[in-house]
Amino acid sequence: MVFPRIAALAEAAWSNDAVKDFRHFDRRMEKMTDLYRKSGIAFFDYRNPGVSPEIMGPEK
């Protein structure tokens, strides 16, 4: 799933190494996951994986 990976990628790419802090990022992600839900965006909830499991591709 693209979400929330895209947010993590943006955080890693655009934040200065000196200010990167996973705890701060994780707190901001609480608001982002609320936004994803309200917008109907399918996302993987890494804090509660059973609630929104990763979407699997077609079987081969």
PDB file of N, CA and C in Angstrom:
ATOM      1  N   MET A   1       0.837  -1.189   0.000  1.00  0.00           N
ATOM      2  CA  MET A   1       0.000   0.000   0.000  1.00  0.00           C
ATOM      3  C   MET A   1       0.877   1.246   0.000  1.00  0.00           C
ATOM      4  N   VAL A   2       0.397   2.222  -0.669  1.00  0.00           N
ATOM      5  CA  VAL A   2       1.146   3.477  -0.772  1.00  0.00           C
ATOM      6  C   VAL A   2       1.077   4.265   0.536  1.00  0.00           C
ATOM      7  N   PHE A   3      -0.081   4.213   1.192  1.00  0.00           N
ATOM      8  CA  PHE A   3      -0.257   4.962   2.441  1.00  0.00           C
ATOM      9  C   PHE A   3      -0.096   4.015   3.618  1.00  0.00           C
ATOM     10  N   PRO A   4       0.637   4.324   4.612  1.00  0.00           N
ATOM     11  CA  PRO A   4       1.323   5.573   4.939  1.00  0.00           C
ATOM     12  C   PRO A   4       2.772   5.624   4.467  1.00  0.00           C
ATOM     13  N   ARG A   5       3.178   4.687   3.608  1.00  0.00           N
ATOM     14  CA  ARG A   5       4.582   4.665   3.181  1.00  0.00           C
ATOM     15  C   ARG A   5       5.013   5.969   2.529  1.00  0.00           C
ATOM     16  N   ILE A   6       4.119   6.580   1.768  1.00  0.00           N
ATOM     17  CA  ILE A   6       4.465   7.830   1.091  1.00  0.00           C
ATOM     18  C   ILE A   6       4.771   8.940   2.104  1.00  0.00           C
ATOM     19  N   ALA A   7       4.036   8.941   3.221  1.00  0.00           N
ATOM     20  CA  ALA A   7       4.300   9.933   4.277  1.00  0.00           C
ATOM     21  C   ALA A   7       5.657   9.669   4.926  1.00  0.00           C
ATOM     22  N   ALA A   8       5.985   8.408   5.140  1.00  0.00           N
ATOM     23  CA  ALA A   8       7.280   8.069   5.734  1.00  0.00           C
ATOM     24  C   ALA A   8       8.425   8.421   4.785  1.00  0.00           C
ATOM     25  N   LEU A   9       8.218   8.181   3.508  1.00  0.00           N
ATOM     26  CA  LEU A   9       9.242   8.526   2.516  1.00  0.00           C
ATOM     27  C   LEU A   9       9.465  10.035   2.477  1.00  0.00           C
ATOM     28  N   ALA A  10       8.384  10.780   2.489  1.00  0.00           N
ATOM     29  CA  ALA A  10       8.507  12.240   2.488  1.00  0.00           C
ATOM     30  C   ALA A  10       9.239  12.721   3.730  1.00  0.00           C
ATOM     31  N   GLU A  11       8.907  12.146   4.862  1.00  0.00           N
ATOM     32  CA  GLU A  11       9.577  12.511   6.121  1.00  0.00           C
ATOM     33  C   GLU A  11      11.078  12.249   6.030  1.00  0.00           C
ATOM     34  N   ALA A  12      11.427  11.075   5.525  1.00  0.00           N
ATOM     35  CA  ALA A  12      12.839  10.704   5.426  1.00  0.00           C
ATOM     36  C   ALA A  12      13.592  11.566   4.407  1.00  0.00           C
ATOM     37  N   ALA A  13      12.934  11.867   3.305  1.00  0.00           N
ATOM     38  CA  ALA A  13      13.603  12.605   2.236  1.00  0.00           C
ATOM     39  C   ALA A  13      13.759  14.090   2.531  1.00  0.00           C
ATOM     40  N   TRP A  14      12.758  14.697   3.168  1.00  0.00           N
ATOM     41  CA  TRP A  14      12.758  16.144   3.309  1.00  0.00           C
ATOM     42  C   TRP A  14      13.175  16.654   4.673  1.00  0.00           C
ATOM     43  N   SER A  15      13.329  15.750   5.642  1.00  0.00           N
ATOM     44  CA  SER A  15      13.732  16.200   6.977  1.00  0.00           C
ATOM     45  C   SER A  15      15.243  16.111   7.130  1.00  0.00           C
ATOM     46  N   ASN A  16      15.787  17.116   7.735  1.00  0.00           N
ATOM     47  CA  ASN A  16      17.211  17.132   8.038  1.00  0.00           C
ATOM     48  C   ASN A  16      17.507  16.010   9.033  1.00  0.00           C
ATOM     49  N   ASP A  17      18.605  15.306   8.846  1.00  0.00           N
ATOM     50  CA  ASP A  17      18.952  14.193   9.732  1.00  0.00           C
ATOM     51  C   ASP A  17      18.952  14.588  11.202  1.00  0.00           C
ATOM     52  N   ALA A  18      19.319  15.800  11.498  1.00  0.00           N
ATOM     53  CA  ALA A  18      19.426  16.244  12.888  1.00  0.00           C
ATOM     54  C   ALA A  18      18.065  16.339  13.575  1.00  0.00           C
ATOM     55  N   VAL A  19      16.994  16.458  12.810  1.00  0.00           N
ATOM     56  CA  VAL A  19      15.672  16.623  13.427  1.00  0.00           C
ATOM     57  C   VAL A  19      14.751  15.412  13.245  1.00  0.00           C
ATOM     58  N   LYS A  20      15.245  14.375  12.601  1.00  0.00           N
ATOM     59  CA  LYS A  20      14.412  13.185  12.407  1.00  0.00           C
ATOM     60  C   LYS A  20      14.157  12.515  13.754  1.00  0.00           C
ATOM     61  N   ASP A  21      12.893  12.233  14.020  1.00  0.00           N
ATOM     62  CA  ASP A  21      12.511  11.620  15.293  1.00  0.00           C
ATOM     63  C   ASP A  21      11.254  10.799  15.046  1.00  0.00           C
ATOM     64  N   PHE A  22      11.364   9.485  15.173  1.00  0.00           N
ATOM     65  CA  PHE A  22      10.223   8.620  14.880  1.00  0.00           C
ATOM     66  C   PHE A  22       9.043   8.903  15.795  1.00  0.00           C
ATOM     67  N   ARG A  23       9.287   9.210  17.048  1.00  0.00           N
ATOM     68  CA  ARG A  23       8.171   9.476  17.979  1.00  0.00           C
ATOM     69  C   ARG A  23       7.340  10.662  17.508  1.00  0.00           C
ATOM     70  N   HIS A  24       8.007  11.714  17.044  1.00  0.00           N
ATOM     71  CA  HIS A  24       7.276  12.882  16.531  1.00  0.00           C
ATOM     72  C   HIS A  24       6.515  12.523  15.256  1.00  0.00           C
ATOM     73  N   PHE A  25       7.169  11.781  14.392  1.00  0.00           N
ATOM     74  CA  PHE A  25       6.526  11.337  13.162  1.00  0.00           C
ATOM     75  C   PHE A  25       5.296  10.484  13.490  1.00  0.00           C
ATOM     76  N   ASP A  26       5.437   9.573  14.431  1.00  0.00           N
ATOM     77  CA  ASP A  26       4.339   8.684  14.814  1.00  0.00           C
ATOM     78  C   ASP A  26       3.146   9.480  15.337  1.00  0.00           C
ATOM     79  N   ARG A  27       3.395  10.517  16.109  1.00  0.00           N
ATOM     80  CA  ARG A  27       2.296  11.371  16.608  1.00  0.00           C
ATOM     81  C   ARG A  27       1.595  12.082  15.457  1.00  0.00           C
ATOM     82  N   ARG A  28       2.370  12.567  14.496  1.00  0.00           N
ATOM     83  CA  ARG A  28       1.764  13.235  13.342  1.00  0.00           C
ATOM     84  C   ARG A  28       0.961  12.248  12.499  1.00  0.00           C
ATOM     85  N   MET A  29       1.407  11.002  12.468  1.00  0.00           N
ATOM     86  CA  MET A  29       0.695   9.991  11.689  1.00  0.00           C
ATOM     87  C   MET A  29      -0.691   9.696  12.259  1.00  0.00           C
ATOM     88  N   GLU A  30      -0.904   9.924  13.546  1.00  0.00           N
ATOM     89  CA  GLU A  30      -2.243   9.754  14.114  1.00  0.00           C
ATOM     90  C   GLU A  30      -3.235  10.650  13.375  1.00  0.00           C
ATOM     91  N   LYS A  31      -2.843  11.900  13.141  1.00  0.00           N
ATOM     92  CA  LYS A  31      -3.716  12.832  12.408  1.00  0.00           C
ATOM     93  C   LYS A  31      -3.863  12.403  10.948  1.00  0.00           C
ATOM     94  N   MET A  32      -2.776  11.910  10.377  1.00  0.00           N
ATOM     95  CA  MET A  32      -2.827  11.489   8.975  1.00  0.00           C
ATOM     96  C   MET A  32      -3.738  10.283   8.798  1.00  0.00           C
ATOM     97  N   THR A  33      -3.675   9.314   9.717  1.00  0.00           N
ATOM     98  CA  THR A  33      -4.541   8.141   9.568  1.00  0.00           C
ATOM     99  C   THR A  33      -6.010   8.534   9.726  1.00  0.00           C
ATOM    100  N   ASP A  34      -6.290   9.507  10.587  1.00  0.00           N
ATOM    101  CA  ASP A  34      -7.663  10.019  10.681  1.00  0.00           C
ATOM    102  C   ASP A  34      -8.095  10.620   9.345  1.00  0.00           C
ATOM    103  N   LEU A  35      -7.203  11.382   8.726  1.00  0.00           N
ATOM    104  CA  LEU A  35      -7.488  11.987   7.428  1.00  0.00           C
ATOM    105  C   LEU A  35      -7.687  10.914   6.362  1.00  0.00           C
ATOM    106  N   TYR A  36      -6.847   9.884   6.368  1.00  0.00           N
ATOM    107  CA  TYR A  36      -7.004   8.788   5.404  1.00  0.00           C
ATOM    108  C   TYR A  36      -8.392   8.160   5.555  1.00  0.00           C
ATOM    109  N   ARG A  37      -8.797   7.888   6.810  1.00  0.00           N
ATOM    110  CA  ARG A  37     -10.111   7.271   7.051  1.00  0.00           C
ATOM    111  C   ARG A  37     -11.245   8.175   6.546  1.00  0.00           C
ATOM    112  N   LYS A  38     -11.199   9.454   6.904  1.00  0.00           N
ATOM    113  CA  LYS A  38     -12.249  10.396   6.505  1.00  0.00           C
ATOM    114  C   LYS A  38     -12.327  10.555   4.996  1.00  0.00           C
ATOM    115  N   SER A  39     -11.183  10.398   4.333  1.00  0.00           N
ATOM    116  CA  SER A  39     -11.128  10.567   2.881  1.00  0.00           C
ATOM    117  C   SER A  39     -11.408   9.269   2.128  1.00  0.00           C
ATOM    118  N   GLY A  40     -11.559   8.179   2.854  1.00  0.00           N
ATOM    119  CA  GLY A  40     -11.816   6.896   2.213  1.00  0.00           C
ATOM    120  C   GLY A  40     -10.591   6.291   1.553  1.00  0.00           C
ATOM    121  N   ILE A  41      -9.413   6.671   2.018  1.00  0.00           N
ATOM    122  CA  ILE A  41      -8.163   6.160   1.454  1.00  0.00           C
ATOM    123  C   ILE A  41      -7.818   4.836   2.126  1.00  0.00           C
ATOM    124  N   ALA A  42      -7.591   3.809   1.321  1.00  0.00           N
ATOM    125  CA  ALA A  42      -7.160   2.520   1.863  1.00  0.00           C
ATOM    126  C   ALA A  42      -5.706   2.652   2.299  1.00  0.00           C
ATOM    127  N   PHE A  43      -5.429   2.271   3.524  1.00  0.00           N
ATOM    128  CA  PHE A  43      -4.071   2.385   4.031  1.00  0.00           C
ATOM    129  C   PHE A  43      -3.786   1.257   5.002  1.00  0.00           C
ATOM    130  N   PHE A  44      -2.513   0.996   5.228  1.00  0.00           N
ATOM    131  CA  PHE A  44      -2.089  -0.001   6.197  1.00  0.00           C
ATOM    132  C   PHE A  44      -1.862   0.702   7.526  1.00  0.00           C
ATOM    133  N   ASP A  45      -2.599   0.289   8.537  1.00  0.00           N
ATOM    134  CA  ASP A  45      -2.439   0.874   9.873  1.00  0.00           C
ATOM    135  C   ASP A  45      -1.375   0.070  10.608  1.00  0.00           C
ATOM    136  N   TYR A  46      -0.154   0.567  10.592  1.00  0.00           N
ATOM    137  CA  TYR A  46       0.962  -0.168  11.190  1.00  0.00           C
ATOM    138  C   TYR A  46       0.827  -0.310  12.702  1.00  0.00           C
ATOM    139  N   ARG A  47      -0.002   0.518  13.326  1.00  0.00           N
ATOM    140  CA  ARG A  47      -0.218   0.392  14.771  1.00  0.00           C
ATOM    141  C   ARG A  47      -1.258  -0.674  15.091  1.00  0.00           C
ATOM    142  N   ASN A  48      -2.191  -0.888  14.178  1.00  0.00           N
ATOM    143  CA  ASN A  48      -3.271  -1.867  14.342  1.00  0.00           C
ATOM    144  C   ASN A  48      -3.417  -2.669  13.055  1.00  0.00           C
ATOM    145  N   PRO A  49      -2.475  -3.550  12.756  1.00  0.00           N
ATOM    146  CA  PRO A  49      -2.492  -4.242  11.464  1.00  0.00           C
ATOM    147  C   PRO A  49      -3.739  -5.077  11.205  1.00  0.00           C
ATOM    148  N   GLY A  50      -4.415  -5.565  12.250  1.00  0.00           N
ATOM    149  CA  GLY A  50      -5.620  -6.347  12.045  1.00  0.00           C
ATOM    150  C   GLY A  50      -6.810  -5.520  11.600  1.00  0.00           C
ATOM    151  N   VAL A  51      -6.769  -4.219  11.875  1.00  0.00           N
ATOM    152  CA  VAL A  51      -7.880  -3.329  11.521  1.00  0.00           C
ATOM    153  C   VAL A  51      -7.891  -3.026  10.027  1.00  0.00           C
ATOM    154  N   SER A  52      -6.745  -2.789   9.478  1.00  0.00           N
ATOM    155  CA  SER A  52      -6.659  -2.499   8.039  1.00  0.00           C
ATOM    156  C   SER A  52      -5.493  -3.304   7.465  1.00  0.00           C
ATOM    157  N   PRO A  53      -5.718  -4.588   7.235  1.00  0.00           N
ATOM    158  CA  PRO A  53      -4.623  -5.430   6.740  1.00  0.00           C
ATOM    159  C   PRO A  53      -4.129  -5.000   5.365  1.00  0.00           C
ATOM    160  N   GLU A  54      -2.909  -5.348   5.089  1.00  0.00           N
ATOM    161  CA  GLU A  54      -2.296  -5.045   3.805  1.00  0.00           C
ATOM    162  C   GLU A  54      -3.123  -5.695   2.703  1.00  0.00           C
ATOM    163  N   ILE A  55      -3.403  -4.961   1.651  1.00  0.00           N
ATOM    164  CA  ILE A  55      -4.148  -5.498   0.524  1.00  0.00           C
ATOM    165  C   ILE A  55      -3.191  -6.355  -0.296  1.00  0.00           C
ATOM    166  N   MET A  56      -3.606  -7.567  -0.544  1.00  0.00           N
ATOM    167  CA  MET A  56      -2.757  -8.492  -1.304  1.00  0.00           C
ATOM    168  C   MET A  56      -3.105  -8.393  -2.783  1.00  0.00           C
ATOM    169  N   GLY A  57      -2.121  -8.619  -3.626  1.00  0.00           N
ATOM    170  CA  GLY A  57      -2.336  -8.604  -5.057  1.00  0.00           C
ATOM    171  C   GLY A  57      -3.005  -9.893  -5.522  1.00  0.00           C
ATOM    172  N   PRO A  58      -3.229 -10.023  -6.805  1.00  0.00           N
ATOM    173  CA  PRO A  58      -3.875 -11.225  -7.318  1.00  0.00           C
ATOM    174  C   PRO A  58      -2.993 -12.456  -7.124  1.00  0.00           C
ATOM    175  N   GLU A  59      -3.640 -13.584  -6.929  1.00  0.00           N
ATOM    176  CA  GLU A  59      -2.888 -14.838  -6.801  1.00  0.00           C
ATOM    177  C   GLU A  59      -2.300 -15.211  -8.140  1.00  0.00           C
ATOM    178  N   LYS A  60      -1.151 -15.835  -8.095  1.00  0.00           N
ATOM    179  CA  LYS A  60      -0.483 -16.264  -9.345  1.00  0.00           C
ATOM    180  C   LYS A  60      -0.516 -17.749  -9.460  1.00  0.00           C
TER     181      LYS A  60
END
